[in-house]
Every structure is written in C-alpha cells, then in structure tokens.
Amino acid sequence: FGAVGFTFGAFVSPLVGIGNIMTSTFTTLTVTALVAL
C-alpha cells in the first residue's frame, strides 16, 4: 500500500512541469481524480 502511494507520487510530480504549468496541473488533477472516481 505504501510503496504504491510513493510510486504514484514520484511518477505524477514531473508531469505538472510539462508545458504551461496551469494547464498541465489541472489536467493531471482531473485525470487522477477521474480514475479514482
């Protein structure tokens, strides 16, 4: 459980820096939230 949590965090963190940070951050938030839903 814990290892998966840190792995997801490590994978997602760089994604918000791709291109326009506002767009990439909101996209990352939306996609991760939608999959959790």
Full PDB file with SEQRES, HELIX, SHEET, SSBOND, CRYST1, ORIGX, SCALE, CONECT and MASTER records, all heavy atoms in Angstrom:
SEQRES   1 A   37  PHE GLY ALA VAL GLY PHE THR PHE GLY ALA PHE VAL SER          
SEQRES   2 A   37  PRO LEU VAL GLY ILE GLY ASN ILE MET THR SER THR PHE          
SEQRES   3 A   37  THR THR LEU THR VAL THR ALA LEU VAL ALA LEU                  
HELIX    1 AA1 GLY A    2  VAL A   12  1                                  11    
HELIX    2 AA2 SER A   13  GLY A   17  5                                   5    
HELIX    3 AA3 ILE A   21  ALA A   36  1                                  16    
CRYST1    1.000    1.000    1.000  90.00  90.00  90.00 P 1           1          
ORIGX1      1.000000  0.000000  0.000000        0.00000                         
ORIGX2      0.000000  1.000000  0.000000        0.00000                         
ORIGX3      0.000000  0.000000  1.000000        0.00000                         
SCALE1      1.000000  0.000000  0.000000        0.00000                         
SCALE2      0.000000  1.000000  0.000000        0.00000                         
SCALE3      0.000000  0.000000  1.000000        0.00000                         
ATOM      1  N   PHE A   1       0.840  -1.207   0.000  1.00  0.00           N  
ATOM      2  CA  PHE A   1       0.000   0.000   0.000  1.00  0.00           C  
ATOM      3  C   PHE A   1       0.871   1.252   0.000  1.00  0.00           C  
ATOM      4  O   PHE A   1       0.676   2.168  -0.807  1.00  0.00           O  
ATOM      5  CB  PHE A   1      -0.908  -0.015   1.231  1.00  0.00           C  
ATOM      6  CG  PHE A   1      -1.836   1.156   1.326  1.00  0.00           C  
ATOM      7  CD1 PHE A   1      -3.103   1.107   0.767  1.00  0.00           C  
ATOM      8  CD2 PHE A   1      -1.464   2.312   2.001  1.00  0.00           C  
ATOM      9  CE1 PHE A   1      -3.971   2.184   0.857  1.00  0.00           C  
ATOM     10  CE2 PHE A   1      -2.318   3.394   2.097  1.00  0.00           C  
ATOM     11  CZ  PHE A   1      -3.576   3.329   1.522  1.00  0.00           C  
ATOM     12  N   GLY A   2       1.846   1.296   0.897  1.00  0.00           N  
ATOM     13  CA  GLY A   2       2.702   2.477   0.997  1.00  0.00           C  
ATOM     14  C   GLY A   2       3.611   2.658  -0.195  1.00  0.00           C  
ATOM     15  O   GLY A   2       3.804   3.787  -0.682  1.00  0.00           O  
ATOM     16  N   ALA A   3       4.171   1.560  -0.698  1.00  0.00           N  
ATOM     17  CA  ALA A   3       5.084   1.652  -1.828  1.00  0.00           C  
ATOM     18  C   ALA A   3       4.370   2.158  -3.077  1.00  0.00           C  
ATOM     19  O   ALA A   3       4.916   2.967  -3.829  1.00  0.00           O  
ATOM     20  CB  ALA A   3       5.712   0.284  -2.097  1.00  0.00           C  
ATOM     21  N   VAL A   4       3.143   1.703  -3.288  1.00  0.00           N  
ATOM     22  CA  VAL A   4       2.369   2.155  -4.445  1.00  0.00           C  
ATOM     23  C   VAL A   4       2.091   3.658  -4.345  1.00  0.00           C  
ATOM     24  O   VAL A   4       2.185   4.391  -5.334  1.00  0.00           O  
ATOM     25  CB  VAL A   4       1.053   1.365  -4.574  1.00  0.00           C  
ATOM     26  CG1 VAL A   4       0.117   2.013  -5.595  1.00  0.00           C  
ATOM     27  CG2 VAL A   4       1.339  -0.067  -4.983  1.00  0.00           C  
ATOM     28  N   GLY A   5       1.762   4.123  -3.132  1.00  0.00           N  
ATOM     29  CA  GLY A   5       1.494   5.546  -2.936  1.00  0.00           C  
ATOM     30  C   GLY A   5       2.687   6.409  -3.308  1.00  0.00           C  
ATOM     31  O   GLY A   5       2.548   7.416  -4.029  1.00  0.00           O  
ATOM     32  N   PHE A   6       3.883   6.031  -2.842  1.00  0.00           N  
ATOM     33  CA  PHE A   6       5.084   6.803  -3.160  1.00  0.00           C  
ATOM     34  C   PHE A   6       5.424   6.707  -4.648  1.00  0.00           C  
ATOM     35  O   PHE A   6       5.901   7.671  -5.246  1.00  0.00           O  
ATOM     36  CB  PHE A   6       6.270   6.311  -2.317  1.00  0.00           C  
ATOM     37  CG  PHE A   6       6.328   6.940  -0.958  1.00  0.00           C  
ATOM     38  CD1 PHE A   6       5.922   6.241   0.163  1.00  0.00           C  
ATOM     39  CD2 PHE A   6       6.779   8.236  -0.799  1.00  0.00           C  
ATOM     40  CE1 PHE A   6       5.964   6.817   1.421  1.00  0.00           C  
ATOM     41  CE2 PHE A   6       6.839   8.834   0.461  1.00  0.00           C  
ATOM     42  CZ  PHE A   6       6.426   8.119   1.570  1.00  0.00           C  
ATOM     43  N   THR A   7       5.170   5.538  -5.249  1.00  0.00           N  
ATOM     44  CA  THR A   7       5.453   5.375  -6.676  1.00  0.00           C  
ATOM     45  C   THR A   7       4.571   6.295  -7.518  1.00  0.00           C  
ATOM     46  O   THR A   7       5.051   6.948  -8.456  1.00  0.00           O  
ATOM     47  CB  THR A   7       5.228   3.912  -7.094  1.00  0.00           C  
ATOM     48  OG1 THR A   7       6.092   3.063  -6.331  1.00  0.00           O  
ATOM     49  CG2 THR A   7       5.527   3.729  -8.572  1.00  0.00           C  
ATOM     50  N   PHE A   8       3.287   6.347  -7.185  1.00  0.00           N  
ATOM     51  CA  PHE A   8       2.382   7.238  -7.906  1.00  0.00           C  
ATOM     52  C   PHE A   8       2.820   8.690  -7.744  1.00  0.00           C  
ATOM     53  O   PHE A   8       2.806   9.471  -8.701  1.00  0.00           O  
ATOM     54  CB  PHE A   8       0.951   7.067  -7.398  1.00  0.00           C  
ATOM     55  CG  PHE A   8       0.163   6.035  -8.145  1.00  0.00           C  
ATOM     56  CD1 PHE A   8       0.403   4.686  -7.957  1.00  0.00           C  
ATOM     57  CD2 PHE A   8      -0.817   6.401  -9.043  1.00  0.00           C  
ATOM     58  CE1 PHE A   8      -0.308   3.718  -8.644  1.00  0.00           C  
ATOM     59  CE2 PHE A   8      -1.545   5.464  -9.742  1.00  0.00           C  
ATOM     60  CZ  PHE A   8      -1.293   4.107  -9.540  1.00  0.00           C  
ATOM     61  N   GLY A   9       3.201   9.063  -6.517  1.00  0.00           N  
ATOM     62  CA  GLY A   9       3.640  10.425  -6.269  1.00  0.00           C  
ATOM     63  C   GLY A   9       4.879  10.784  -7.073  1.00  0.00           C  
ATOM     64  O   GLY A   9       4.967  11.867  -7.667  1.00  0.00           O  
ATOM     65  N   ALA A  10       5.835   9.847  -7.125  1.00  0.00           N  
ATOM     66  CA  ALA A  10       7.068  10.088  -7.869  1.00  0.00           C  
ATOM     67  C   ALA A  10       6.807  10.195  -9.370  1.00  0.00           C  
ATOM     68  O   ALA A  10       7.451  10.983 -10.081  1.00  0.00           O  
ATOM     69  CB  ALA A  10       8.068   8.972  -7.593  1.00  0.00           C  
ATOM     70  N   PHE A  11       5.852   9.415  -9.872  1.00  0.00           N  
ATOM     71  CA  PHE A  11       5.546   9.420 -11.297  1.00  0.00           C  
ATOM     72  C   PHE A  11       4.792  10.686 -11.705  1.00  0.00           C  
ATOM     73  O   PHE A  11       5.056  11.271 -12.757  1.00  0.00           O  
ATOM     74  CB  PHE A  11       4.709   8.186 -11.650  1.00  0.00           C  
ATOM     75  CG  PHE A  11       4.260   8.150 -13.086  1.00  0.00           C  
ATOM     76  CD1 PHE A  11       5.145   7.812 -14.103  1.00  0.00           C  
ATOM     77  CD2 PHE A  11       2.954   8.465 -13.424  1.00  0.00           C  
ATOM     78  CE1 PHE A  11       4.731   7.790 -15.430  1.00  0.00           C  
ATOM     79  CE2 PHE A  11       2.528   8.444 -14.750  1.00  0.00           C  
ATOM     80  CZ  PHE A  11       3.424   8.097 -15.750  1.00  0.00           C  
ATOM     81  N   VAL A  12       3.860  11.121 -10.868  1.00  0.00           N  
ATOM     82  CA  VAL A  12       2.989  12.248 -11.212  1.00  0.00           C  
ATOM     83  C   VAL A  12       3.709  13.593 -11.093  1.00  0.00           C  
ATOM     84  O   VAL A  12       3.480  14.504 -11.898  1.00  0.00           O  
ATOM     85  CB  VAL A  12       1.723  12.228 -10.327  1.00  0.00           C  
ATOM     86  CG1 VAL A  12       0.979  13.557 -10.392  1.00  0.00           C  
ATOM     87  CG2 VAL A  12       0.804  11.090 -10.760  1.00  0.00           C  
ATOM     88  N   SER A  13       4.587  13.729 -10.110  1.00  0.00           N  
ATOM     89  CA  SER A  13       5.208  15.024  -9.818  1.00  0.00           C  
ATOM     90  C   SER A  13       5.813  15.719 -11.030  1.00  0.00           C  
ATOM     91  O   SER A  13       5.603  16.929 -11.230  1.00  0.00           O  
ATOM     92  CB  SER A  13       6.264  14.855  -8.718  1.00  0.00           C  
ATOM     93  OG  SER A  13       5.653  14.484  -7.492  1.00  0.00           O  
ATOM     94  N   PRO A  14       6.580  15.017 -11.884  1.00  0.00           N  
ATOM     95  CA  PRO A  14       7.183  15.727 -13.035  1.00  0.00           C  
ATOM     96  C   PRO A  14       6.167  16.153 -14.093  1.00  0.00           C  
ATOM     97  O   PRO A  14       6.466  17.036 -14.907  1.00  0.00           O  
ATOM     98  CB  PRO A  14       8.156  14.679 -13.619  1.00  0.00           C  
ATOM     99  CG  PRO A  14       8.305  13.631 -12.573  1.00  0.00           C  
ATOM    100  CD  PRO A  14       7.029  13.623 -11.809  1.00  0.00           C  
ATOM    101  N   LEU A  15       4.983  15.531 -14.110  1.00  0.00           N  
ATOM    102  CA  LEU A  15       4.010  15.802 -15.170  1.00  0.00           C  
ATOM    103  C   LEU A  15       3.505  17.241 -15.141  1.00  0.00           C  
ATOM    104  O   LEU A  15       3.147  17.793 -16.181  1.00  0.00           O  
ATOM    105  CB  LEU A  15       2.819  14.836 -15.064  1.00  0.00           C  
ATOM    106  CG  LEU A  15       3.134  13.345 -15.233  1.00  0.00           C  
ATOM    107  CD1 LEU A  15       1.857  12.519 -15.115  1.00  0.00           C  
ATOM    108  CD2 LEU A  15       3.811  13.083 -16.571  1.00  0.00           C  
ATOM    109  N   VAL A  16       3.470  17.841 -13.936  1.00  0.00           N  
ATOM    110  CA  VAL A  16       2.918  19.200 -13.838  1.00  0.00           C  
ATOM    111  C   VAL A  16       3.856  20.245 -14.429  1.00  0.00           C  
ATOM    112  O   VAL A  16       3.464  21.405 -14.598  1.00  0.00           O  
ATOM    113  CB  VAL A  16       2.586  19.560 -12.372  1.00  0.00           C  
ATOM    114  CG1 VAL A  16       1.560  18.591 -11.797  1.00  0.00           C  
ATOM    115  CG2 VAL A  16       3.847  19.573 -11.512  1.00  0.00           C  
ATOM    116  N   GLY A  17       5.084  19.847 -14.737  1.00  0.00           N  
ATOM    117  CA  GLY A  17       6.041  20.795 -15.299  1.00  0.00           C  
ATOM    118  C   GLY A  17       6.092  20.777 -16.809  1.00  0.00           C  
ATOM    119  O   GLY A  17       6.897  21.487 -17.419  1.00  0.00           O  
ATOM    120  N   ILE A  18       5.234  19.981 -17.440  1.00  0.00           N  
ATOM    121  CA  ILE A  18       5.236  19.875 -18.898  1.00  0.00           C  
ATOM    122  C   ILE A  18       4.393  21.008 -19.495  1.00  0.00           C  
ATOM    123  O   ILE A  18       3.195  21.117 -19.226  1.00  0.00           O  
ATOM    124  CB  ILE A  18       4.676  18.513 -19.356  1.00  0.00           C  
ATOM    125  CG1 ILE A  18       5.544  17.372 -18.800  1.00  0.00           C  
ATOM    126  CG2 ILE A  18       4.601  18.437 -20.867  1.00  0.00           C  
ATOM    127  CD1 ILE A  18       4.985  15.991 -19.081  1.00  0.00           C  
ATOM    128  N   GLY A  19       5.016  21.854 -20.305  1.00  0.00           N  
ATOM    129  CA  GLY A  19       4.283  22.934 -20.962  1.00  0.00           C  
ATOM    130  C   GLY A  19       3.799  23.995 -19.978  1.00  0.00           C  
ATOM    131  O   GLY A  19       4.466  24.313 -18.986  1.00  0.00           O  
ATOM    132  N   ASN A  20       2.613  24.535 -20.241  1.00  0.00           N  
ATOM    133  CA  ASN A  20       2.002  25.535 -19.366  1.00  0.00           C  
ATOM    134  C   ASN A  20       1.633  24.876 -18.038  1.00  0.00           C  
ATOM    135  O   ASN A  20       0.842  23.931 -18.011  1.00  0.00           O  
ATOM    136  CB  ASN A  20       0.738  26.089 -20.056  1.00  0.00           C  
ATOM    137  CG  ASN A  20       0.070  27.174 -19.223  1.00  0.00           C  
ATOM    138  OD1 ASN A  20      -0.254  26.968 -18.060  1.00  0.00           O  
ATOM    139  ND2 ASN A  20      -0.170  28.317 -19.846  1.00  0.00           N  
ATOM    140  N   ILE A  21       2.211  25.370 -16.942  1.00  0.00           N  
ATOM    141  CA  ILE A  21       2.037  24.688 -15.663  1.00  0.00           C  
ATOM    142  C   ILE A  21       0.585  24.691 -15.188  1.00  0.00           C  
ATOM    143  O   ILE A  21       0.133  23.748 -14.537  1.00  0.00           O  
ATOM    144  CB  ILE A  21       2.964  25.304 -14.579  1.00  0.00           C  
ATOM    145  CG1 ILE A  21       3.009  24.371 -13.359  1.00  0.00           C  
ATOM    146  CG2 ILE A  21       2.479  26.715 -14.185  1.00  0.00           C  
ATOM    147  CD1 ILE A  21       4.092  24.711 -12.381  1.00  0.00           C  
ATOM    148  N   MET A  22      -0.177  25.718 -15.529  1.00  0.00           N  
ATOM    149  CA  MET A  22      -1.580  25.757 -15.128  1.00  0.00           C  
ATOM    150  C   MET A  22      -2.361  24.642 -15.835  1.00  0.00           C  
ATOM    151  O   MET A  22      -3.092  23.865 -15.202  1.00  0.00           O  
ATOM    152  CB  MET A  22      -2.193  27.117 -15.448  1.00  0.00           C  
ATOM    153  CG  MET A  22      -1.475  28.291 -14.824  1.00  0.00           C  
ATOM    154  SD  MET A  22      -1.527  28.291 -13.008  1.00  0.00           S  
ATOM    155  CE  MET A  22      -3.181  28.925 -12.719  1.00  0.00           C  
ATOM    156  N   THR A  23      -2.176  24.550 -17.137  1.00  0.00           N  
ATOM    157  CA  THR A  23      -2.885  23.532 -17.921  1.00  0.00           C  
ATOM    158  C   THR A  23      -2.454  22.123 -17.520  1.00  0.00           C  
ATOM    159  O   THR A  23      -3.293  21.232 -17.329  1.00  0.00           O  
ATOM    160  CB  THR A  23      -2.641  23.736 -19.425  1.00  0.00           C  
ATOM    161  OG1 THR A  23      -3.026  25.060 -19.797  1.00  0.00           O  
ATOM    162  CG2 THR A  23      -3.431  22.735 -20.238  1.00  0.00           C  
ATOM    163  N   SER A  24      -1.143  21.910 -17.384  1.00  0.00           N  
ATOM    164  CA  SER A  24      -0.645  20.571 -17.050  1.00  0.00           C  
ATOM    165  C   SER A  24      -1.072  20.156 -15.643  1.00  0.00           C  
ATOM    166  O   SER A  24      -1.409  18.989 -15.405  1.00  0.00           O  
ATOM    167  CB  SER A  24       0.880  20.515 -17.184  1.00  0.00           C  
ATOM    168  OG  SER A  24       1.501  21.478 -16.351  1.00  0.00           O  
ATOM    169  N   THR A  25      -1.090  21.103 -14.706  1.00  0.00           N  
ATOM    170  CA  THR A  25      -1.516  20.786 -13.337  1.00  0.00           C  
ATOM    171  C   THR A  25      -2.994  20.430 -13.292  1.00  0.00           C  
ATOM    172  O   THR A  25      -3.382  19.417 -12.690  1.00  0.00           O  
ATOM    173  CB  THR A  25      -1.248  21.978 -12.398  1.00  0.00           C  
ATOM    174  OG1 THR A  25       0.160  22.238 -12.351  1.00  0.00           O  
ATOM    175  CG2 THR A  25      -1.738  21.679 -10.985  1.00  0.00           C  
ATOM    176  N   PHE A  26      -3.828  21.241 -13.920  1.00  0.00           N  
ATOM    177  CA  PHE A  26      -5.271  20.969 -13.895  1.00  0.00           C  
ATOM    178  C   PHE A  26      -5.594  19.664 -14.629  1.00  0.00           C  
ATOM    179  O   PHE A  26      -6.485  18.918 -14.220  1.00  0.00           O  
ATOM    180  CB  PHE A  26      -6.046  22.128 -14.527  1.00  0.00           C  
ATOM    181  CG  PHE A  26      -5.849  23.448 -13.837  1.00  0.00           C  
ATOM    182  CD1 PHE A  26      -6.023  24.648 -14.516  1.00  0.00           C  
ATOM    183  CD2 PHE A  26      -5.474  23.503 -12.497  1.00  0.00           C  
ATOM    184  CE1 PHE A  26      -5.839  25.865 -13.886  1.00  0.00           C  
ATOM    185  CE2 PHE A  26      -5.283  24.720 -11.859  1.00  0.00           C  
ATOM    186  CZ  PHE A  26      -5.464  25.900 -12.555  1.00  0.00           C  
ATOM    187  N   THR A  27      -4.848  19.382 -15.702  1.00  0.00           N  
ATOM    188  CA  THR A  27      -5.054  18.125 -16.426  1.00  0.00           C  
ATOM    189  C   THR A  27      -4.684  16.929 -15.558  1.00  0.00           C  
ATOM    190  O   THR A  27      -5.419  15.935 -15.485  1.00  0.00           O  
ATOM    191  CB  THR A  27      -4.213  18.101 -17.722  1.00  0.00           C  
ATOM    192  OG1 THR A  27      -4.578  19.213 -18.546  1.00  0.00           O  
ATOM    193  CG2 THR A  27      -4.417  16.799 -18.473  1.00  0.00           C  
ATOM    194  N   THR A  28      -3.543  17.038 -14.878  1.00  0.00           N  
ATOM    195  CA  THR A  28      -3.095  15.946 -14.002  1.00  0.00           C  
ATOM    196  C   THR A  28      -4.079  15.727 -12.859  1.00  0.00           C  
ATOM    197  O   THR A  28      -4.422  14.582 -12.534  1.00  0.00           O  
ATOM    198  CB  THR A  28      -1.697  16.254 -13.443  1.00  0.00           C  
ATOM    199  OG1 THR A  28      -0.791  16.506 -14.519  1.00  0.00           O  
ATOM    200  CG2 THR A  28      -1.174  15.096 -12.608  1.00  0.00           C  
ATOM    201  N   LEU A  29      -4.525  16.816 -12.255  1.00  0.00           N  
ATOM    202  CA  LEU A  29      -5.506  16.704 -11.170  1.00  0.00           C  
ATOM    203  C   LEU A  29      -6.793  16.039 -11.660  1.00  0.00           C  
ATOM    204  O   LEU A  29      -7.349  15.159 -10.984  1.00  0.00           O  
ATOM    205  CB  LEU A  29      -5.824  18.093 -10.608  1.00  0.00           C  
ATOM    206  CG  LEU A  29      -4.737  18.794  -9.793  1.00  0.00           C  
ATOM    207  CD1 LEU A  29      -5.165  20.222  -9.458  1.00  0.00           C  
ATOM    208  CD2 LEU A  29      -4.428  18.026  -8.515  1.00  0.00           C  
ATOM    209  N   THR A  30      -7.254  16.449 -12.826  1.00  0.00           N  
ATOM    210  CA  THR A  30      -8.514  15.920 -13.351  1.00  0.00           C  
ATOM    211  C   THR A  30      -8.406  14.436 -13.687  1.00  0.00           C  
ATOM    212  O   THR A  30      -9.282  13.641 -13.328  1.00  0.00           O  
ATOM    213  CB  THR A  30      -8.950  16.701 -14.611  1.00  0.00           C  
ATOM    214  OG1 THR A  30      -9.080  18.087 -14.283  1.00  0.00           O  
ATOM    215  CG2 THR A  30     -10.279  16.190 -15.129  1.00  0.00           C  
ATOM    216  N   VAL A  31      -7.328  14.061 -14.371  1.00  0.00           N  
ATOM    217  CA  VAL A  31      -7.172  12.657 -14.790  1.00  0.00           C  
ATOM    218  C   VAL A  31      -7.032  11.728 -13.581  1.00  0.00           C  
ATOM    219  O   VAL A  31      -7.687  10.678 -13.509  1.00  0.00           O  
ATOM    220  CB  VAL A  31      -5.961  12.506 -15.733  1.00  0.00           C  
ATOM    221  CG1 VAL A  31      -5.662  11.031 -15.996  1.00  0.00           C  
ATOM    222  CG2 VAL A  31      -6.213  13.238 -17.041  1.00  0.00           C  
ATOM    223  N   THR A  32      -6.194  12.097 -12.621  1.00  0.00           N  
ATOM    224  CA  THR A  32      -6.006  11.241 -11.443  1.00  0.00           C  
ATOM    225  C   THR A  32      -7.292  11.142 -10.619  1.00  0.00           C  
ATOM    226  O   THR A  32      -7.648  10.066 -10.129  1.00  0.00           O  
ATOM    227  CB  THR A  32      -4.857  11.769 -10.566  1.00  0.00           C  
ATOM    228  OG1 THR A  32      -5.043  13.183 -10.316  1.00  0.00           O  
ATOM    229  CG2 THR A  32      -3.507  11.567 -11.219  1.00  0.00           C  
ATOM    230  N   ALA A  33      -8.004  12.254 -10.489  1.00  0.00           N  
ATOM    231  CA  ALA A  33      -9.269  12.243  -9.745  1.00  0.00           C  
ATOM    232  C   ALA A  33     -10.322  11.406 -10.466  1.00  0.00           C  
ATOM    233  O   ALA A  33     -11.085  10.659  -9.833  1.00  0.00           O  
ATOM    234  CB  ALA A  33      -9.776  13.670  -9.542  1.00  0.00           C  
ATOM    235  N   LEU A  34     -10.357  11.518 -11.786  1.00  0.00           N  
ATOM    236  CA  LEU A  34     -11.353  10.783 -12.572  1.00  0.00           C  
ATOM    237  C   LEU A  34     -11.123   9.274 -12.479  1.00  0.00           C  
ATOM    238  O   LEU A  34     -12.081   8.501 -12.339  1.00  0.00           O  
ATOM    239  CB  LEU A  34     -11.298  11.231 -14.028  1.00  0.00           C  
ATOM    240  CG  LEU A  34     -12.362  10.634 -14.969  1.00  0.00           C  
ATOM    241  CD1 LEU A  34     -13.767  10.960 -14.478  1.00  0.00           C  
ATOM    242  CD2 LEU A  34     -12.159  11.153 -16.388  1.00  0.00           C  
ATOM    243  N   VAL A  35      -9.862   8.846 -12.544  1.00  0.00           N  
ATOM    244  CA  VAL A  35      -9.573   7.414 -12.417  1.00  0.00           C  
ATOM    245  C   VAL A  35      -9.947   6.922 -11.016  1.00  0.00           C  
ATOM    246  O   VAL A  35     -10.516   5.834 -10.861  1.00  0.00           O  
ATOM    247  CB  VAL A  35      -8.090   7.123 -12.715  1.00  0.00           C  
ATOM    248  CG1 VAL A  35      -7.790   5.639 -12.503  1.00  0.00           C  
ATOM    249  CG2 VAL A  35      -7.726   7.528 -14.133  1.00  0.00           C  
ATOM    250  N   ALA A  36      -9.645   7.726  -9.985  1.00  0.00           N  
ATOM    251  CA  ALA A  36     -10.049   7.358  -8.618  1.00  0.00           C  
ATOM    252  C   ALA A  36     -11.563   7.243  -8.516  1.00  0.00           C  
ATOM    253  O   ALA A  36     -12.089   6.359  -7.822  1.00  0.00           O  
ATOM    254  CB  ALA A  36      -9.525   8.395  -7.626  1.00  0.00           C  
ATOM    255  N   LEU A  37     -12.285   8.113  -9.215  1.00  0.00           N  
ATOM    256  CA  LEU A  37     -13.747   8.073  -9.219  1.00  0.00           C  
ATOM    257  C   LEU A  37     -14.257   6.785  -9.869  1.00  0.00           C  
ATOM    258  O   LEU A  37     -15.145   6.111  -9.329  1.00  0.00           O  
ATOM    259  CB  LEU A  37     -14.289   9.291  -9.959  1.00  0.00           C  
ATOM    260  CG  LEU A  37     -15.808   9.335 -10.212  1.00  0.00           C  
ATOM    261  CD1 LEU A  37     -16.573   9.247  -8.897  1.00  0.00           C  
ATOM    262  CD2 LEU A  37     -16.182  10.609 -10.972  1.00  0.00           C  
TER     263      LEU A  37                                                      
MASTER        0    0    0    3    0    0    0    6  262    1    0    3          
END                                                                             
